[in-house]
Protein backbone atom coordinates (compact mmCIF):
# COMPACT_ATOMS: atom_id res chain seq x y z
CA UNK A 1 -87.48 34.73 -51.32
CA UNK A 2 -86.24 34.60 -47.88
CA UNK A 3 -86.47 37.22 -45.02
CA UNK A 4 -82.48 37.63 -45.36
CA UNK A 5 -83.24 38.49 -48.92
CA UNK A 6 -85.81 40.92 -48.08
CA UNK A 7 -83.53 42.60 -45.37
CA UNK A 8 -80.70 42.96 -47.99
CA UNK A 9 -83.06 44.61 -50.60
CA UNK A 10 -84.26 47.00 -47.82
CA UNK A 11 -80.59 47.63 -46.68
CA UNK A 12 -79.42 48.42 -50.25
CA UNK A 13 -82.58 50.69 -51.11
CA UNK A 14 -82.52 52.89 -47.96
CA UNK A 15 -79.69 53.81 -45.76
CA UNK A 16 -81.10 51.65 -42.61
CA UNK A 17 -78.59 49.53 -40.58
CA UNK A 18 -78.70 45.88 -40.94
CA UNK A 19 -80.97 45.13 -37.69
CA UNK A 20 -83.19 48.17 -38.76
CA UNK A 21 -83.66 46.34 -42.07
CA UNK A 22 -84.28 42.99 -40.31
CA UNK A 23 -86.72 44.61 -38.08
CA UNK A 24 -88.52 46.23 -40.92
CA UNK A 25 -88.72 43.07 -42.94
CA UNK A 26 -90.07 41.31 -40.05
CA UNK A 27 -92.84 43.85 -39.72
CA UNK A 28 -93.49 43.75 -43.48
CA UNK A 29 -94.02 39.97 -43.23
CA UNK A 30 -96.16 39.99 -39.91
CA UNK A 31 -98.33 42.57 -41.66
CA UNK A 32 -98.82 40.25 -44.71
CA UNK A 33 -99.65 37.25 -42.22
CA UNK A 34 -102.11 39.23 -40.49
CA UNK A 35 -103.99 40.35 -43.31
CA UNK A 36 -104.08 36.84 -44.62
CA UNK A 37 -105.22 35.79 -41.25
CA UNK A 38 -107.93 38.65 -41.07
CA UNK A 39 -109.26 39.06 -44.31
CA UNK A 40 -108.35 35.53 -46.16
CA UNK A 41 -106.46 37.39 -48.84
CA UNK A 42 -103.40 39.60 -49.60
CA UNK A 43 -102.93 41.30 -53.13
CA UNK A 44 -99.66 42.92 -54.56
CA UNK A 45 -100.72 44.89 -57.78
CA UNK A 46 -98.76 43.57 -60.71
CA UNK A 47 -97.16 40.81 -58.54
CA UNK A 48 -100.14 38.38 -57.45
CA UNK A 49 -102.60 37.40 -54.74
CA UNK A 50 -102.32 35.14 -51.57
CA UNK A 51 -105.81 33.54 -51.10
CA UNK A 52 -106.78 31.26 -48.24
CA UNK A 53 -108.56 27.99 -49.62
CA UNK A 54 -110.62 25.42 -47.50
CA UNK A 55 -109.52 22.14 -47.83
CA UNK A 56 -112.18 19.12 -47.48
CA UNK A 57 -112.01 16.23 -45.28
CA UNK A 58 -110.92 13.19 -47.03
CA UNK A 59 -109.15 9.73 -47.10
CA UNK A 60 -105.92 9.18 -48.17
CA UNK A 61 -103.22 6.24 -48.14
CA UNK A 62 -100.26 5.72 -46.09
CA UNK A 63 -97.49 4.80 -48.63
CA UNK A 64 -95.85 2.73 -46.14
CA UNK A 65 -98.64 0.41 -45.09
CA UNK A 66 -101.46 1.03 -47.98
CA UNK A 67 -103.64 1.51 -45.15
CA UNK A 68 -106.42 4.20 -45.73
CA UNK A 69 -105.85 7.35 -43.13
CA UNK A 70 -108.67 10.02 -42.60
CA UNK A 71 -107.26 13.45 -43.20
CA UNK A 72 -109.04 16.44 -41.46
CA UNK A 73 -110.55 19.42 -43.29
CA UNK A 74 -108.22 22.47 -43.10
CA UNK A 75 -107.13 25.38 -44.90
CA UNK A 76 -104.10 26.24 -46.98
CA UNK A 77 -102.73 29.53 -48.91
CA UNK A 78 -102.76 29.35 -52.23
CA UNK A 79 -100.81 32.07 -54.63
CA UNK A 80 -102.14 33.30 -57.99
CA UNK A 81 -99.73 35.15 -60.01
CA UNK A 82 -101.05 38.25 -61.81
CA UNK A 83 -100.90 38.35 -65.68
CA UNK A 84 -97.83 40.84 -65.57
CA UNK A 85 -95.87 38.36 -63.40
CA UNK A 86 -96.64 35.50 -65.69
CA UNK A 87 -95.47 37.43 -68.81
CA UNK A 88 -92.37 38.59 -67.35
CA UNK A 89 -91.85 35.03 -65.93
CA UNK A 90 -92.44 33.80 -69.46
CA UNK A 91 -90.31 36.41 -71.13
CA UNK A 92 -87.27 35.58 -68.56
CA UNK A 93 -87.75 31.63 -69.38
CA UNK A 94 -87.25 32.33 -73.16
CA UNK A 95 -84.28 34.48 -72.58
CA UNK A 96 -82.46 31.99 -70.42
CA UNK A 97 -83.43 29.42 -72.87
CA UNK A 98 -81.74 31.26 -75.96
CA UNK A 99 -78.73 31.98 -73.56
CA UNK A 100 -78.41 28.46 -73.03
CA UNK A 101 -78.37 27.73 -76.76
CA UNK A 102 -75.65 30.07 -77.27
CA UNK A 103 -73.36 28.60 -74.74
């Protein structure tokens, strides 16, 4: 999903102009980012949750030289799909496979 996609969906669903739809999409994205930063989690029912996970300090290998490199501890955002989204995605995958077999 991109900001343009979100803008287009907002514009089609409402009678807002392109500029207003773009501003609304930017506001929604900013609100989601702020919620993740402040609470470490953002959940959309029947869609899923974005969760902040800490990554430990570790060592890795430089693929070019084979030399060990220290990687600092940090954080990343993970997405966990809801059961409803998983079921829907599986149903869509099965439907696409049946369509491909017919063609």
